[in-house]
Amino acid sequence: MEWYTARLADWIPHPFGMRYRTIAGLTAFAGVTFVFVLYWVARITNAKTFAKINNCPGCNSTDVNPSATPALFDGIFRHFGCAPFRCHVCSKRYYRGGFPPEEIHEARPAGAARDSSS
């Protein structure tokens, strides 16, 4: 008499006719994509939340100006009405919202004189 050893995979049908390795890969890809989108939503929400606060989030200094150095994701933030700023004390670069996307000012060049009236 021959004994048949049943595996779990023999009892569970393959969803959509895919192998379990393919399903695991698609699940991992969906998870990484979800985390990526969640990260950017959190960054944009953070920038929009601190729109009216003029302090640096790193050192709480008020010595901040628009950033003149273009970065890779500036376009994404500008689309949501956020502009890049840089702290002169700790050199932290961050985004602050509250600007209409069509009216976001271009950052002045690094050598330009500071406006002392603000």
Protein backbone atom coordinates (compact mmCIF):
# COMPACT_ATOMS: atom_id res chain seq x y z
CA MET A 1 0.00 0.00 0.00
CA GLU A 2 1.44 3.28 -1.04
CA TRP A 3 1.01 6.27 1.22
CA TYR A 4 0.46 9.65 -0.30
CA THR A 5 1.85 12.60 1.65
CA ALA A 6 -0.40 15.56 0.93
CA ARG A 7 1.13 18.98 0.93
CA LEU A 8 -0.71 22.11 1.95
CA ALA A 9 -0.27 23.47 -1.57
CA ASP A 10 -2.26 20.56 -2.94
CA TRP A 11 -5.26 21.48 -0.82
CA ILE A 12 -5.33 25.24 -1.43
CA PRO A 13 -6.27 26.32 -4.95
CA HIS A 14 -4.13 28.86 -6.75
CA PRO A 15 -5.91 32.23 -6.93
CA PHE A 16 -6.24 33.50 -10.50
CA GLY A 17 -4.10 30.58 -11.66
CA MET A 18 -0.89 32.21 -10.41
CA ARG A 19 1.92 30.54 -8.55
CA TYR A 20 2.38 31.42 -4.88
CA ARG A 21 5.77 32.95 -5.66
CA THR A 22 4.12 35.35 -8.11
CA ILE A 23 1.43 36.26 -5.59
CA ALA A 24 4.10 36.90 -2.93
CA GLY A 25 6.03 39.13 -5.33
CA LEU A 26 2.93 41.13 -6.26
CA THR A 27 2.01 41.49 -2.59
CA ALA A 28 5.51 42.74 -1.73
CA PHE A 29 5.42 45.21 -4.64
CA ALA A 30 2.00 46.50 -3.54
CA GLY A 31 3.27 46.88 0.03
CA VAL A 32 6.35 48.86 -1.03
CA THR A 33 4.24 51.06 -3.30
CA PHE A 34 1.77 51.71 -0.48
CA VAL A 35 4.58 52.71 1.91
CA PHE A 36 6.10 54.99 -0.77
CA VAL A 37 2.79 56.78 -1.38
CA LEU A 38 2.09 57.03 2.35
CA TYR A 39 5.53 58.59 2.93
CA TRP A 40 4.95 61.32 0.34
CA VAL A 41 1.42 62.03 1.55
CA ALA A 42 2.82 62.48 5.06
CA ARG A 43 5.56 64.85 3.84
CA ILE A 44 3.12 66.99 1.84
CA THR A 45 0.63 67.02 4.73
CA ASN A 46 3.41 68.11 7.08
CA ALA A 47 4.39 70.95 4.74
CA LYS A 48 0.78 72.11 4.40
CA THR A 49 0.19 71.90 8.17
CA PHE A 50 3.11 74.17 9.04
CA ALA A 51 2.23 76.71 6.35
CA LYS A 52 1.95 79.75 8.62
CA ILE A 53 4.82 78.88 10.97
CA ASN A 54 8.02 80.72 10.08
CA ASN A 55 10.27 78.67 12.35
CA CYS A 56 12.68 75.99 11.23
CA PRO A 57 11.39 72.53 12.21
CA GLY A 58 14.95 71.46 13.07
CA CYS A 59 16.20 74.19 15.41
CA ASN A 60 13.15 76.50 15.80
CA SER A 61 15.11 79.45 14.41
CA THR A 62 13.33 82.22 12.51
CA ASP A 63 16.36 82.84 10.27
CA VAL A 64 14.93 81.05 7.22
CA ASN A 65 14.76 82.03 3.56
CA PRO A 66 13.49 80.46 0.34
CA SER A 67 15.92 77.81 -0.89
CA ALA A 68 17.81 78.60 -4.06
CA THR A 69 19.11 75.07 -4.65
CA PRO A 70 16.77 73.02 -6.85
CA ALA A 71 16.04 69.51 -5.62
CA LEU A 72 14.64 66.44 -7.31
CA PHE A 73 11.16 66.56 -5.75
CA ASP A 74 10.57 70.33 -5.81
CA GLY A 75 8.08 69.93 -8.65
CA ILE A 76 5.91 67.54 -6.65
CA PHE A 77 5.77 69.90 -3.70
CA ARG A 78 5.18 72.96 -5.91
CA HIS A 79 2.20 71.16 -7.48
CA PHE A 80 0.63 71.03 -4.00
CA GLY A 81 1.44 74.67 -3.19
CA CYS A 82 4.57 74.10 -1.10
CA ALA A 83 7.83 76.00 -1.48
CA PRO A 84 11.33 74.97 -0.31
CA PHE A 85 13.00 76.88 2.52
CA ARG A 86 16.41 76.61 4.15
CA CYS A 87 17.42 77.50 7.70
CA HIS A 88 20.59 79.59 7.99
CA VAL A 89 21.37 78.28 11.48
CA CYS A 90 21.19 74.49 11.02
CA SER A 91 21.06 74.35 7.16
CA LYS A 92 17.96 72.14 7.23
CA ARG A 93 15.98 72.23 3.98
CA TYR A 94 12.24 71.81 4.36
CA TYR A 95 8.98 72.64 2.61
CA ARG A 96 6.28 74.99 3.76
CA GLY A 97 2.82 75.21 2.21
CA GLY A 98 0.24 77.91 1.84
CA PHE A 99 1.28 79.16 -1.59
CA PRO A 100 -1.01 78.84 -4.61
CA PRO A 101 0.78 76.57 -7.14
CA GLU A 102 0.74 79.22 -9.85
CA GLU A 103 2.12 81.95 -7.56
CA ILE A 104 5.04 80.16 -5.90
CA HIS A 105 7.92 82.55 -6.11
CA GLU A 106 11.28 81.56 -7.44
CA ALA A 107 13.92 81.46 -4.74
CA ARG A 108 16.36 84.29 -4.99
CA PRO A 109 20.00 83.53 -5.86
CA ALA A 110 22.27 82.69 -2.93
CA GLY A 111 24.30 85.89 -3.35
CA ALA A 112 21.32 88.26 -3.38
CA ALA A 113 20.89 90.70 -0.52
CA ARG A 114 18.46 89.77 2.25
CA ASP A 115 15.34 91.81 2.70
CA SER A 116 15.54 93.25 6.24
CA SER A 117 11.89 94.36 6.30
CA SER A 118 10.49 90.83 6.87
